[in-house]
Amino acid sequence: RSHRTARHGSPINPTDRHGGAAMILPRFYPIFDHPDWLDRLLPLGIKLVQIRIKDAPTVELRELLIRSRDLCRAHGAQLVVNDYWQLAIDLGCDFVHLGQEDLDSADIPAIRRAGIKVGISTHDHAELDRALSYVPDYVALGPVWPTILKKMKWTQQGLERVSEWKRLVGDIPLVAIGGLTPERGSQAYAAGADVASAVTDITLNPDPQARVREWLEVAR
């Protein structure tokens, strides 16, 4: 069903999209740029994590993804690979995250045939329309609050947009991202987000382990 149908009061219901019920994801979803972070923090109880590696040579990238995959398997966590869907297929990873620009070249049917789940970034209604046409395993909305991670053309979305997006995506898990802290994560959950994602709130924190424990408590 189209997102426009949902916008007029009938939310998307994806319960039949892979022959079963809509998935339930862990509510805390950190993003890291190196498997060293996974080695350090997965033992604390993280069960869903994204590895987002930029500008690494192909051989090194493959090695980093293999290490990330193996760490996640050892700790019973789902690994989400940002962007590199071909490698995710080759390495038997769980999940890929695709930005809107990634959708231009990604072979979604091949990803699905490999049994890999797909999450998609959205920032406005047109992007949400496009994302929902692929019947994703989660939809991400951001930045909910201003972020220092990267320059973006979108201003902060705010909690009202989180609530609107949740109404429109229905049972598809909604990930809130951008400027989140544990306190803001609680607000995002209350507004309708199923999952809260954090990056620099952890990696720039003077005590990343303590921050992860705080997040896991909020996400219980």
N, C-alpha and C. Protein backbone atom coordinates (compact mmCIF):
# COMPACT_ATOMS: atom_id res chain seq x y z
N ARG A 1 0.84 -1.20 0.00
CA ARG A 1 0.00 0.00 0.00
C ARG A 1 0.86 1.24 0.00
N SER A 2 0.39 2.30 -0.58
CA SER A 2 1.21 3.51 -0.67
C SER A 2 1.17 4.29 0.62
N HIS A 3 2.20 5.09 0.80
CA HIS A 3 2.24 5.98 1.96
C HIS A 3 1.13 7.01 1.89
N ARG A 4 0.71 7.41 0.67
CA ARG A 4 -0.38 8.39 0.57
C ARG A 4 -1.67 7.82 1.17
N THR A 5 -1.91 6.56 0.95
CA THR A 5 -3.07 5.94 1.59
C THR A 5 -2.95 6.04 3.10
N ALA A 6 -1.75 5.76 3.60
CA ALA A 6 -1.54 5.84 5.04
C ALA A 6 -1.75 7.25 5.55
N ARG A 7 -1.35 8.25 4.76
CA ARG A 7 -1.44 9.63 5.22
C ARG A 7 -2.88 10.05 5.47
N HIS A 8 -3.81 9.39 4.81
CA HIS A 8 -5.21 9.74 4.99
C HIS A 8 -5.88 8.87 6.04
N GLY A 9 -5.08 8.34 6.96
CA GLY A 9 -5.67 7.72 8.14
C GLY A 9 -5.62 6.21 8.18
N SER A 10 -5.05 5.58 7.18
CA SER A 10 -4.96 4.11 7.18
C SER A 10 -3.49 3.70 7.18
N PRO A 11 -2.93 3.44 8.35
CA PRO A 11 -1.50 3.17 8.41
C PRO A 11 -1.12 1.87 7.72
N ILE A 12 0.14 1.86 7.26
CA ILE A 12 0.69 0.66 6.65
C ILE A 12 0.66 -0.48 7.66
N ASN A 13 0.23 -1.65 7.22
CA ASN A 13 0.31 -2.85 8.06
C ASN A 13 1.11 -3.91 7.32
N PRO A 14 2.37 -4.13 7.72
CA PRO A 14 3.24 -5.02 6.96
C PRO A 14 3.25 -6.46 7.47
N THR A 15 2.19 -6.89 8.12
CA THR A 15 2.26 -8.17 8.81
C THR A 15 2.46 -9.34 7.85
N ASP A 16 2.23 -9.14 6.54
CA ASP A 16 2.41 -10.26 5.63
C ASP A 16 3.63 -10.07 4.74
N ARG A 17 4.54 -9.14 5.08
CA ARG A 17 5.54 -8.78 4.10
C ARG A 17 6.59 -9.85 3.86
N HIS A 18 6.89 -10.68 4.84
CA HIS A 18 7.82 -11.78 4.59
C HIS A 18 7.18 -13.10 5.02
N GLY A 19 5.85 -13.14 4.92
CA GLY A 19 5.16 -14.36 5.26
C GLY A 19 4.95 -14.54 6.75
N GLY A 20 5.15 -13.49 7.54
CA GLY A 20 4.98 -13.61 8.98
C GLY A 20 4.67 -12.26 9.58
N ALA A 21 4.69 -12.20 10.90
CA ALA A 21 4.34 -10.96 11.59
C ALA A 21 5.46 -9.94 11.49
N ALA A 22 5.10 -8.68 11.70
CA ALA A 22 6.10 -7.63 11.72
C ALA A 22 7.11 -7.91 12.82
N MET A 23 8.38 -7.56 12.54
CA MET A 23 9.42 -7.91 13.50
C MET A 23 9.46 -6.93 14.66
N ILE A 24 9.98 -7.41 15.75
CA ILE A 24 10.22 -6.57 16.92
C ILE A 24 11.73 -6.47 17.09
N LEU A 25 12.23 -5.24 17.11
CA LEU A 25 13.67 -5.02 17.22
C LEU A 25 14.04 -4.58 18.63
N PRO A 26 15.29 -4.84 19.05
CA PRO A 26 15.77 -4.26 20.30
C PRO A 26 15.62 -2.74 20.25
N ARG A 27 15.33 -2.15 21.39
CA ARG A 27 14.96 -0.73 21.41
C ARG A 27 16.14 0.23 21.41
N PHE A 28 17.34 -0.29 21.65
CA PHE A 28 18.54 0.54 21.63
C PHE A 28 19.44 0.09 20.47
N TYR A 29 19.87 1.05 19.65
CA TYR A 29 20.52 0.75 18.37
C TYR A 29 21.70 1.71 18.15
N PRO A 30 22.85 1.41 18.75
CA PRO A 30 24.00 2.28 18.53
C PRO A 30 24.66 2.05 17.17
N ILE A 31 25.39 3.06 16.73
CA ILE A 31 26.09 3.02 15.44
C ILE A 31 27.56 3.32 15.69
N PHE A 32 28.42 2.46 15.15
CA PHE A 32 29.86 2.61 15.35
C PHE A 32 30.60 2.54 14.01
N ASP A 33 31.82 3.07 14.01
CA ASP A 33 32.59 3.11 12.77
C ASP A 33 33.76 2.12 12.74
N HIS A 34 33.86 1.29 13.78
CA HIS A 34 34.96 0.33 13.82
C HIS A 34 34.60 -0.82 14.75
N PRO A 35 35.02 -2.04 14.41
CA PRO A 35 34.68 -3.17 15.28
C PRO A 35 35.32 -3.10 16.67
N ASP A 36 36.33 -2.27 16.85
CA ASP A 36 36.88 -2.10 18.21
C ASP A 36 35.79 -1.66 19.18
N TRP A 37 34.86 -0.82 18.71
CA TRP A 37 33.75 -0.39 19.57
C TRP A 37 32.87 -1.57 19.93
N LEU A 38 32.64 -2.46 18.96
CA LEU A 38 31.80 -3.63 19.22
C LEU A 38 32.47 -4.54 20.25
N ASP A 39 33.77 -4.74 20.09
CA ASP A 39 34.52 -5.58 21.01
C ASP A 39 34.42 -5.04 22.44
N ARG A 40 34.40 -3.72 22.53
CA ARG A 40 34.38 -3.06 23.84
C ARG A 40 33.00 -3.03 24.47
N LEU A 41 31.96 -2.87 23.66
CA LEU A 41 30.64 -2.55 24.20
C LEU A 41 29.58 -3.64 24.04
N LEU A 42 29.74 -4.54 23.09
CA LEU A 42 28.75 -5.62 22.96
C LEU A 42 28.60 -6.45 24.24
N PRO A 43 29.68 -6.69 24.99
CA PRO A 43 29.51 -7.48 26.22
C PRO A 43 28.55 -6.87 27.23
N LEU A 44 28.22 -5.59 27.08
CA LEU A 44 27.31 -4.93 28.02
C LEU A 44 25.85 -5.31 27.77
N GLY A 45 25.57 -5.91 26.61
CA GLY A 45 24.20 -6.35 26.34
C GLY A 45 23.54 -5.73 25.12
N ILE A 46 24.30 -5.03 24.30
CA ILE A 46 23.75 -4.49 23.04
C ILE A 46 23.35 -5.65 22.14
N LYS A 47 22.15 -5.58 21.56
CA LYS A 47 21.64 -6.68 20.73
C LYS A 47 21.36 -6.26 19.29
N LEU A 48 21.47 -4.98 18.99
CA LEU A 48 21.30 -4.48 17.62
C LEU A 48 22.30 -3.35 17.43
N VAL A 49 23.15 -3.47 16.42
CA VAL A 49 24.22 -2.48 16.24
C VAL A 49 24.51 -2.30 14.76
N GLN A 50 24.79 -1.07 14.38
CA GLN A 50 25.16 -0.78 13.00
C GLN A 50 26.65 -0.49 12.91
N ILE A 51 27.27 -1.03 11.86
CA ILE A 51 28.65 -0.67 11.56
C ILE A 51 28.64 0.21 10.31
N ARG A 52 29.14 1.42 10.47
CA ARG A 52 29.13 2.41 9.39
C ARG A 52 30.58 2.84 9.14
N ILE A 53 31.18 2.25 8.13
CA ILE A 53 32.57 2.49 7.81
C ILE A 53 32.64 3.29 6.52
N LYS A 54 33.38 4.38 6.54
CA LYS A 54 33.50 5.24 5.37
C LYS A 54 34.94 5.24 4.87
N ASP A 55 35.08 5.18 3.55
CA ASP A 55 36.36 5.44 2.88
C ASP A 55 37.46 4.44 3.25
N ALA A 56 37.12 3.21 3.52
CA ALA A 56 38.14 2.19 3.77
C ALA A 56 38.44 1.44 2.47
N PRO A 57 39.70 1.08 2.22
CA PRO A 57 40.02 0.25 1.05
C PRO A 57 39.23 -1.05 1.10
N THR A 58 38.96 -1.62 -0.06
CA THR A 58 38.07 -2.78 -0.15
C THR A 58 38.53 -3.95 0.71
N VAL A 59 39.81 -4.28 0.66
CA VAL A 59 40.31 -5.41 1.44
C VAL A 59 40.15 -5.15 2.93
N GLU A 60 40.51 -3.95 3.36
CA GLU A 60 40.37 -3.61 4.78
C GLU A 60 38.90 -3.61 5.19
N LEU A 61 38.05 -3.06 4.33
CA LEU A 61 36.62 -3.01 4.62
C LEU A 61 36.07 -4.40 4.85
N ARG A 62 36.43 -5.32 3.98
CA ARG A 62 35.95 -6.69 4.12
C ARG A 62 36.40 -7.29 5.45
N GLU A 63 37.65 -7.06 5.81
CA GLU A 63 38.17 -7.60 7.07
C GLU A 63 37.44 -7.00 8.27
N LEU A 64 37.15 -5.69 8.20
CA LEU A 64 36.45 -5.04 9.30
C LEU A 64 35.03 -5.56 9.44
N LEU A 65 34.38 -5.82 8.30
CA LEU A 65 33.01 -6.34 8.35
C LEU A 65 32.99 -7.79 8.85
N ILE A 66 33.97 -8.58 8.45
CA ILE A 66 34.04 -9.96 8.95
C ILE A 66 34.22 -9.95 10.47
N ARG A 67 35.11 -9.10 10.95
CA ARG A 67 35.33 -9.03 12.39
C ARG A 67 34.06 -8.58 13.10
N SER A 68 33.37 -7.58 12.54
CA SER A 68 32.13 -7.09 13.13
C SER A 68 31.07 -8.18 13.16
N ARG A 69 30.95 -8.90 12.04
CA ARG A 69 29.98 -10.00 11.97
C ARG A 69 30.26 -11.05 13.03
N ASP A 70 31.52 -11.43 13.16
CA ASP A 70 31.88 -12.50 14.09
C ASP A 70 31.68 -12.06 15.54
N LEU A 71 31.98 -10.80 15.85
CA LEU A 71 31.75 -10.29 17.19
C LEU A 71 30.26 -10.31 17.53
N CYS A 72 29.43 -9.90 16.57
CA CYS A 72 27.99 -9.89 16.81
C CYS A 72 27.46 -11.31 17.01
N ARG A 73 27.94 -12.23 16.21
CA ARG A 73 27.50 -13.62 16.37
C ARG A 73 27.89 -14.15 17.75
N ALA A 74 29.09 -13.80 18.19
CA ALA A 74 29.56 -14.30 19.49
C ALA A 74 28.74 -13.76 20.65
N HIS A 75 28.15 -12.57 20.46
CA HIS A 75 27.40 -11.93 21.54
C HIS A 75 25.89 -11.96 21.31
N GLY A 76 25.44 -12.70 20.30
CA GLY A 76 24.01 -12.82 20.05
C GLY A 76 23.37 -11.52 19.64
N ALA A 77 24.10 -10.68 18.89
CA ALA A 77 23.59 -9.38 18.45
C ALA A 77 23.37 -9.39 16.94
N GLN A 78 22.41 -8.62 16.48
CA GLN A 78 22.20 -8.44 15.06
C GLN A 78 23.10 -7.33 14.55
N LEU A 79 23.82 -7.61 13.46
CA LEU A 79 24.68 -6.60 12.84
C LEU A 79 23.97 -5.99 11.64
N VAL A 80 23.91 -4.67 11.62
CA VAL A 80 23.38 -3.92 10.47
C VAL A 80 24.56 -3.29 9.74
N VAL A 81 24.73 -3.63 8.48
CA VAL A 81 25.81 -3.09 7.67
C VAL A 81 25.30 -1.87 6.93
N ASN A 82 25.94 -0.75 7.14
CA ASN A 82 25.55 0.47 6.44
C ASN A 82 26.10 0.44 5.01
N ASP A 83 25.20 0.54 4.05
CA ASP A 83 25.53 0.79 2.65
C ASP A 83 26.03 -0.44 1.88
N TYR A 84 27.00 -1.16 2.38
CA TYR A 84 27.71 -2.16 1.57
C TYR A 84 26.92 -3.46 1.46
N TRP A 85 25.85 -3.40 0.68
CA TRP A 85 24.93 -4.52 0.62
C TRP A 85 25.53 -5.74 -0.08
N GLN A 86 26.41 -5.51 -1.08
CA GLN A 86 27.03 -6.67 -1.75
C GLN A 86 27.89 -7.47 -0.77
N LEU A 87 28.68 -6.76 0.03
CA LEU A 87 29.51 -7.44 1.03
C LEU A 87 28.64 -8.10 2.09
N ALA A 88 27.55 -7.45 2.46
CA ALA A 88 26.64 -8.05 3.44
C ALA A 88 26.11 -9.39 2.94
N ILE A 89 25.79 -9.46 1.65
CA ILE A 89 25.34 -10.72 1.06
C ILE A 89 26.47 -11.74 1.08
N ASP A 90 27.65 -11.33 0.63
CA ASP A 90 28.80 -12.24 0.57
C ASP A 90 29.15 -12.81 1.94
N LEU A 91 29.02 -11.98 2.97
CA LEU A 91 29.47 -12.37 4.30
C LEU A 91 28.36 -12.95 5.17
N GLY A 92 27.15 -13.04 4.61
CA GLY A 92 26.05 -13.63 5.36
C GLY A 92 25.61 -12.81 6.55
N CYS A 93 25.59 -11.49 6.39
CA CYS A 93 25.19 -10.61 7.49
C CYS A 93 23.67 -10.59 7.65
N ASP A 94 23.22 -10.02 8.77
CA ASP A 94 21.80 -10.07 9.12
C ASP A 94 20.95 -9.01 8.41
N PHE A 95 21.56 -7.83 8.21
CA PHE A 95 20.75 -6.63 7.99
C PHE A 95 21.59 -5.62 7.22
N VAL A 96 20.98 -4.85 6.35
CA VAL A 96 21.65 -3.71 5.75
C VAL A 96 20.83 -2.45 6.00
N HIS A 97 21.53 -1.33 6.12
CA HIS A 97 20.88 -0.03 6.21
C HIS A 97 21.20 0.74 4.95
N LEU A 98 20.16 1.26 4.31
CA LEU A 98 20.33 1.99 3.06
C LEU A 98 19.80 3.41 3.20
N GLY A 99 20.62 4.37 2.77
CA GLY A 99 20.13 5.74 2.63
C GLY A 99 19.36 5.88 1.33
N GLN A 100 18.74 7.01 1.16
CA GLN A 100 17.96 7.21 -0.06
C GLN A 100 18.82 7.12 -1.31
N GLU A 101 20.05 7.64 -1.24
CA GLU A 101 20.93 7.57 -2.41
C GLU A 101 21.37 6.14 -2.68
N ASP A 102 21.46 5.32 -1.63
CA ASP A 102 21.83 3.91 -1.81
C ASP A 102 20.76 3.15 -2.57
N LEU A 103 19.51 3.57 -2.42
CA LEU A 103 18.41 2.88 -3.10
C LEU A 103 18.51 2.98 -4.62
N ASP A 104 19.24 3.99 -5.10
CA ASP A 104 19.39 4.16 -6.55
C ASP A 104 20.13 2.99 -7.19
N SER A 105 21.03 2.37 -6.42
CA SER A 105 21.85 1.30 -7.00
C SER A 105 21.69 -0.06 -6.31
N ALA A 106 21.07 -0.09 -5.15
CA ALA A 106 20.95 -1.36 -4.42
C ALA A 106 20.00 -2.32 -5.14
N ASP A 107 20.36 -3.58 -5.15
CA ASP A 107 19.52 -4.63 -5.72
C ASP A 107 18.68 -5.23 -4.59
N ILE A 108 17.55 -4.61 -4.34
CA ILE A 108 16.72 -5.05 -3.21
C ILE A 108 16.27 -6.50 -3.35
N PRO A 109 15.84 -6.94 -4.55
CA PRO A 109 15.46 -8.36 -4.66
C PRO A 109 16.61 -9.31 -4.31
N ALA A 110 17.84 -8.97 -4.70
CA ALA A 110 18.98 -9.83 -4.38
C ALA A 110 19.23 -9.84 -2.87
N ILE A 111 19.08 -8.69 -2.23
CA ILE A 111 19.24 -8.62 -0.77
C ILE A 111 18.20 -9.49 -0.10
N ARG A 112 16.96 -9.40 -0.57
CA ARG A 112 15.88 -10.20 0.02
C ARG A 112 16.11 -11.70 -0.21
N ARG A 113 16.55 -12.05 -1.41
CA ARG A 113 16.80 -13.47 -1.70
C ARG A 113 17.86 -14.06 -0.78
N ALA A 114 18.80 -13.21 -0.36
CA ALA A 114 19.86 -13.65 0.55
C ALA A 114 19.37 -13.74 2.00
N GLY A 115 18.10 -13.39 2.23
CA GLY A 115 17.55 -13.46 3.58
C GLY A 115 17.98 -12.33 4.48
N ILE A 116 18.42 -11.22 3.87
CA ILE A 116 18.92 -10.08 4.64
C ILE A 116 17.81 -9.05 4.80
N LYS A 117 17.67 -8.55 6.01
CA LYS A 117 16.66 -7.53 6.30
C LYS A 117 17.18 -6.15 5.89
N VAL A 118 16.24 -5.23 5.67
CA VAL A 118 16.59 -3.92 5.12
C VAL A 118 15.96 -2.81 5.96
N GLY A 119 16.78 -1.86 6.39
CA GLY A 119 16.31 -0.63 7.01
C GLY A 119 16.63 0.55 6.11
N ILE A 120 15.76 1.55 6.10
CA ILE A 120 15.90 2.66 5.15
C ILE A 120 15.75 3.99 5.88
N SER A 121 16.64 4.93 5.57
CA SER A 121 16.57 6.29 6.11
C SER A 121 15.49 7.11 5.42
N THR A 122 14.81 7.95 6.21
CA THR A 122 13.86 8.91 5.63
C THR A 122 13.99 10.24 6.34
N HIS A 123 13.67 11.30 5.60
CA HIS A 123 13.75 12.65 6.16
C HIS A 123 12.53 13.49 5.83
N ASP A 124 11.76 13.09 4.81
CA ASP A 124 10.57 13.85 4.44
C ASP A 124 9.53 12.88 3.87
N HIS A 125 8.36 13.42 3.53
CA HIS A 125 7.26 12.55 3.10
C HIS A 125 7.58 11.82 1.80
N ALA A 126 8.26 12.47 0.86
CA ALA A 126 8.59 11.81 -0.40
C ALA A 126 9.52 10.63 -0.15
N GLU A 127 10.48 10.81 0.74
CA GLU A 127 11.40 9.71 1.05
C GLU A 127 10.68 8.59 1.79
N LEU A 128 9.72 8.94 2.64
CA LEU A 128 8.95 7.91 3.32
C LEU A 128 8.12 7.11 2.32
N ASP A 129 7.51 7.81 1.36
CA ASP A 129 6.79 7.12 0.29
C ASP A 129 7.68 6.09 -0.38
N ARG A 130 8.87 6.54 -0.75
CA ARG A 130 9.80 5.66 -1.46
C ARG A 130 10.20 4.48 -0.57
N ALA A 131 10.53 4.76 0.67
CA ALA A 131 10.96 3.70 1.59
C ALA A 131 9.87 2.65 1.76
N LEU A 132 8.62 3.09 1.97
CA LEU A 132 7.53 2.15 2.21
C LEU A 132 7.24 1.28 0.98
N SER A 133 7.59 1.78 -0.21
CA SER A 133 7.37 0.98 -1.42
C SER A 133 8.23 -0.28 -1.42
N TYR A 134 9.31 -0.28 -0.64
CA TYR A 134 10.18 -1.46 -0.54
C TYR A 134 9.79 -2.37 0.62
N VAL A 135 8.77 -1.99 1.37
CA VAL A 135 8.31 -2.74 2.55
C VAL A 135 9.51 -3.10 3.44
N PRO A 136 10.15 -2.09 4.04
CA PRO A 136 11.38 -2.32 4.79
C PRO A 136 11.12 -2.98 6.14
N ASP A 137 12.21 -3.43 6.75
CA ASP A 137 12.13 -4.05 8.07
C ASP A 137 12.24 -3.02 9.18
N TYR A 138 12.70 -1.83 8.87
CA TYR A 138 12.52 -0.66 9.73
C TYR A 138 12.64 0.58 8.87
N VAL A 139 12.06 1.65 9.37
CA VAL A 139 12.19 2.98 8.78
C VAL A 139 12.88 3.86 9.81
N ALA A 140 13.92 4.57 9.39
CA ALA A 140 14.60 5.51 10.28
C ALA A 140 14.18 6.94 9.93
N LEU A 141 13.96 7.74 10.96
CA LEU A 141 13.62 9.16 10.80
C LEU A 141 14.68 10.00 11.51
N GLY A 142 15.19 10.98 10.80
CA GLY A 142 16.17 11.85 11.43
C GLY A 142 16.40 13.13 10.63
N PRO A 143 17.12 14.07 11.21
CA PRO A 143 17.54 14.06 12.62
C PRO A 143 16.40 14.55 13.52
N VAL A 144 16.09 13.77 14.55
CA VAL A 144 15.02 14.20 15.46
C VAL A 144 15.44 15.43 16.24
N TRP A 145 16.69 15.44 16.67
CA TRP A 145 17.31 16.64 17.25
C TRP A 145 18.53 16.99 16.41
N PRO A 146 19.05 18.20 16.53
CA PRO A 146 20.25 18.56 15.75
C PRO A 146 21.39 17.59 16.05
N THR A 147 22.16 17.27 15.01
CA THR A 147 23.26 16.33 15.16
C THR A 147 24.56 16.97 14.73
N ILE A 148 25.63 16.59 15.40
CA ILE A 148 26.96 17.09 15.03
C ILE A 148 27.69 16.08 14.15
N LEU A 149 27.06 14.94 13.89
CA LEU A 149 27.75 13.87 13.19
C LEU A 149 28.07 14.24 11.75
N LYS A 150 27.10 14.85 11.06
CA LYS A 150 27.33 15.23 9.67
C LYS A 150 26.41 16.37 9.32
N LYS A 151 26.82 17.15 8.34
CA LYS A 151 25.98 18.25 7.88
C LYS A 151 24.81 17.69 7.09
N MET A 152 23.62 18.18 7.41
CA MET A 152 22.42 17.70 6.75
C MET A 152 21.58 18.88 6.28
N LYS A 153 20.88 18.69 5.18
CA LYS A 153 20.03 19.77 4.67
C LYS A 153 18.72 19.87 5.42
N TRP A 154 18.42 18.85 6.27
CA TRP A 154 17.16 18.86 7.01
C TRP A 154 17.38 19.43 8.40
N THR A 155 16.46 20.28 8.82
CA THR A 155 16.49 20.75 10.19
C THR A 155 15.93 19.65 11.09
N GLN A 156 15.98 19.88 12.39
CA GLN A 156 15.51 18.82 13.27
C GLN A 156 14.04 18.52 13.02
N GLN A 157 13.70 17.23 13.08
CA GLN A 157 12.34 16.78 12.79
C GLN A 157 11.39 17.03 13.95
N GLY A 158 11.86 16.82 15.16
CA GLY A 158 11.02 17.03 16.33
C GLY A 158 10.17 15.83 16.66
N LEU A 159 9.61 15.84 17.87
CA LEU A 159 8.85 14.70 18.36
C LEU A 159 7.49 14.56 17.68
N GLU A 160 6.91 15.68 17.24
CA GLU A 160 5.63 15.57 16.53
C GLU A 160 5.79 14.77 15.25
N ARG A 161 6.92 14.95 14.56
CA ARG A 161 7.16 14.19 13.34
C ARG A 161 7.37 12.70 13.67
N VAL A 162 7.99 12.41 14.79
CA VAL A 162 8.13 11.01 15.21
C VAL A 162 6.75 10.38 15.34
N SER A 163 5.83 11.07 16.01
CA SER A 163 4.48 10.54 16.19
C SER A 163 3.76 10.37 14.85
N GLU A 164 3.93 11.36 13.97
CA GLU A 164 3.31 11.27 12.65
C GLU A 164 3.86 10.08 11.87
N TRP A 165 5.17 9.92 11.87
CA TRP A 165 5.81 8.82 11.14
C TRP A 165 5.33 7.47 11.66
N LYS A 166 5.19 7.37 12.99
CA LYS A 166 4.74 6.09 13.54
C LYS A 166 3.32 5.77 13.09
N ARG A 167 2.48 6.76 13.05
CA ARG A 167 1.12 6.52 12.57
C ARG A 167 1.15 6.05 11.11
N LEU A 168 2.05 6.59 10.31
CA LEU A 168 2.09 6.27 8.89
C LEU A 168 2.75 4.92 8.61
N VAL A 169 3.73 4.52 9.40
CA VAL A 169 4.41 3.26 9.11
C VAL A 169 3.72 2.06 9.75
N GLY A 170 2.80 2.31 10.68
CA GLY A 170 2.06 1.21 11.30
C GLY A 170 2.97 0.28 12.08
N ASP A 171 2.95 -1.01 11.74
CA ASP A 171 3.69 -2.01 12.49
C ASP A 171 5.17 -2.08 12.12
N ILE A 172 5.59 -1.40 11.08
CA ILE A 172 7.02 -1.39 10.74
C ILE A 172 7.77 -0.65 11.85
N PRO A 173 8.83 -1.23 12.39
CA PRO A 173 9.58 -0.53 13.44
C PRO A 173 10.10 0.82 12.98
N LEU A 174 9.96 1.81 13.85
CA LEU A 174 10.42 3.17 13.56
C LEU A 174 11.64 3.47 14.42
N VAL A 175 12.73 3.86 13.76
CA VAL A 175 13.98 4.19 14.44
C VAL A 175 14.13 5.71 14.47
N ALA A 176 14.30 6.27 15.66
CA ALA A 176 14.58 7.69 15.81
C ALA A 176 16.09 7.87 15.89
N ILE A 177 16.62 8.82 15.11
CA ILE A 177 18.06 9.05 15.10
C ILE A 177 18.33 10.54 14.99
N GLY A 178 19.45 10.95 15.56
CA GLY A 178 19.88 12.34 15.43
C GLY A 178 19.81 13.09 16.74
N GLY A 179 20.98 13.31 17.35
CA GLY A 179 21.05 14.11 18.56
C GLY A 179 20.48 13.46 19.79
N LEU A 180 20.33 12.14 19.78
CA LEU A 180 19.68 11.48 20.92
C LEU A 180 20.63 11.28 22.09
N THR A 181 20.07 11.44 23.27
CA THR A 181 20.69 11.09 24.55
C THR A 181 19.72 10.14 25.24
N PRO A 182 20.09 9.53 26.35
CA PRO A 182 19.12 8.68 27.04
C PRO A 182 17.83 9.43 27.41
N GLU A 183 17.97 10.65 27.87
CA GLU A 183 16.77 11.43 28.22
C GLU A 183 15.90 11.67 26.99
N ARG A 184 16.53 12.07 25.90
CA ARG A 184 15.78 12.29 24.66
C ARG A 184 15.25 10.97 24.11
N GLY A 185 15.98 9.87 24.33
CA GLY A 185 15.48 8.58 23.90
C GLY A 185 14.16 8.24 24.56
N SER A 186 14.04 8.54 25.84
CA SER A 186 12.77 8.30 26.55
C SER A 186 11.65 9.11 25.91
N GLN A 187 11.93 10.34 25.52
CA GLN A 187 10.93 11.18 24.86
C GLN A 187 10.56 10.62 23.49
N ALA A 188 11.56 10.11 22.77
CA ALA A 188 11.29 9.53 21.46
C ALA A 188 10.43 8.29 21.58
N TYR A 189 10.71 7.44 22.56
CA TYR A 189 9.86 6.27 22.78
C TYR A 189 8.43 6.69 23.08
N ALA A 190 8.29 7.69 23.94
CA ALA A 190 6.96 8.15 24.31
C ALA A 190 6.20 8.72 23.12
N ALA A 191 6.95 9.29 22.17
CA ALA A 191 6.32 9.88 20.97
C ALA A 191 5.95 8.83 19.93
N GLY A 192 6.44 7.60 20.10
CA GLY A 192 6.07 6.53 19.18
C GLY A 192 7.21 5.77 18.56
N ALA A 193 8.45 6.21 18.77
CA ALA A 193 9.58 5.46 18.22
C ALA A 193 9.68 4.10 18.88
N ASP A 194 9.96 3.09 18.07
CA ASP A 194 10.18 1.75 18.59
C ASP A 194 11.63 1.55 19.01
N VAL A 195 12.52 2.26 18.35
CA VAL A 195 13.96 2.08 18.52
C VAL A 195 14.61 3.46 18.56
N ALA A 196 15.61 3.62 19.40
CA ALA A 196 16.38 4.87 19.45
C ALA A 196 17.83 4.56 19.11
N SER A 197 18.40 5.39 18.25
CA SER A 197 19.75 5.17 17.78
C SER A 197 20.66 6.29 18.26
N ALA A 198 21.89 5.93 18.62
CA ALA A 198 22.85 6.91 19.13
C ALA A 198 24.22 6.65 18.53
N VAL A 199 24.95 7.74 18.33
CA VAL A 199 26.30 7.64 17.76
C VAL A 199 27.26 8.38 18.68
N THR A 200 27.35 9.70 18.49
CA THR A 200 28.34 10.48 19.23
C THR A 200 28.01 10.58 20.71
N ASP A 201 26.75 10.38 21.09
CA ASP A 201 26.41 10.38 22.51
C ASP A 201 27.19 9.31 23.26
N ILE A 202 27.59 8.28 22.53
CA ILE A 202 28.40 7.21 23.12
C ILE A 202 29.88 7.41 22.81
N THR A 203 30.19 7.59 21.52
CA THR A 203 31.60 7.60 21.12
C THR A 203 32.37 8.81 21.63
N LEU A 204 31.69 9.91 21.87
CA LEU A 204 32.36 11.11 22.40
C LEU A 204 32.19 11.24 23.91
N ASN A 205 31.52 10.28 24.52
CA ASN A 205 31.31 10.34 25.97
C ASN A 205 32.60 9.95 26.70
N PRO A 206 32.92 10.62 27.79
CA PRO A 206 34.13 10.26 28.52
C PRO A 206 34.09 8.85 29.11
N ASP A 207 32.89 8.30 29.28
CA ASP A 207 32.75 6.93 29.79
C ASP A 207 31.72 6.20 28.94
N PRO A 208 32.13 5.71 27.76
CA PRO A 208 31.17 5.07 26.86
C PRO A 208 30.44 3.88 27.48
N GLN A 209 31.15 3.10 28.31
CA GLN A 209 30.51 1.94 28.92
C GLN A 209 29.36 2.36 29.83
N ALA A 210 29.60 3.38 30.65
CA ALA A 210 28.55 3.86 31.55
C ALA A 210 27.37 4.41 30.75
N ARG A 211 27.68 5.09 29.64
CA ARG A 211 26.61 5.66 28.81
C ARG A 211 25.77 4.54 28.19
N VAL A 212 26.41 3.49 27.72
CA VAL A 212 25.67 2.36 27.15
C VAL A 212 24.78 1.72 28.21
N ARG A 213 25.30 1.57 29.42
CA ARG A 213 24.46 1.00 30.49
C ARG A 213 23.25 1.88 30.76
N GLU A 214 23.44 3.19 30.71
CA GLU A 214 22.33 4.13 30.91
C GLU A 214 21.30 3.96 29.80
N TRP A 215 21.77 3.84 28.56
CA TRP A 215 20.88 3.64 27.43
C TRP A 215 20.10 2.32 27.58
N LEU A 216 20.78 1.28 27.94
CA LEU A 216 20.12 -0.02 28.05
C LEU A 216 19.04 0.01 29.15
N GLU A 217 19.27 0.77 30.18
CA GLU A 217 18.27 0.91 31.23
C GLU A 217 17.04 1.65 30.71
N VAL A 218 17.27 2.74 29.97
CA VAL A 218 16.18 3.52 29.41
C VAL A 218 15.38 2.70 28.42
N ALA A 219 16.06 1.82 27.68
CA ALA A 219 15.42 1.08 26.60
C ALA A 219 14.72 -0.20 27.08
N ARG A 220 14.80 -0.50 28.36
CA ARG A 220 14.16 -1.72 28.88
C ARG A 220 12.66 -1.72 28.70
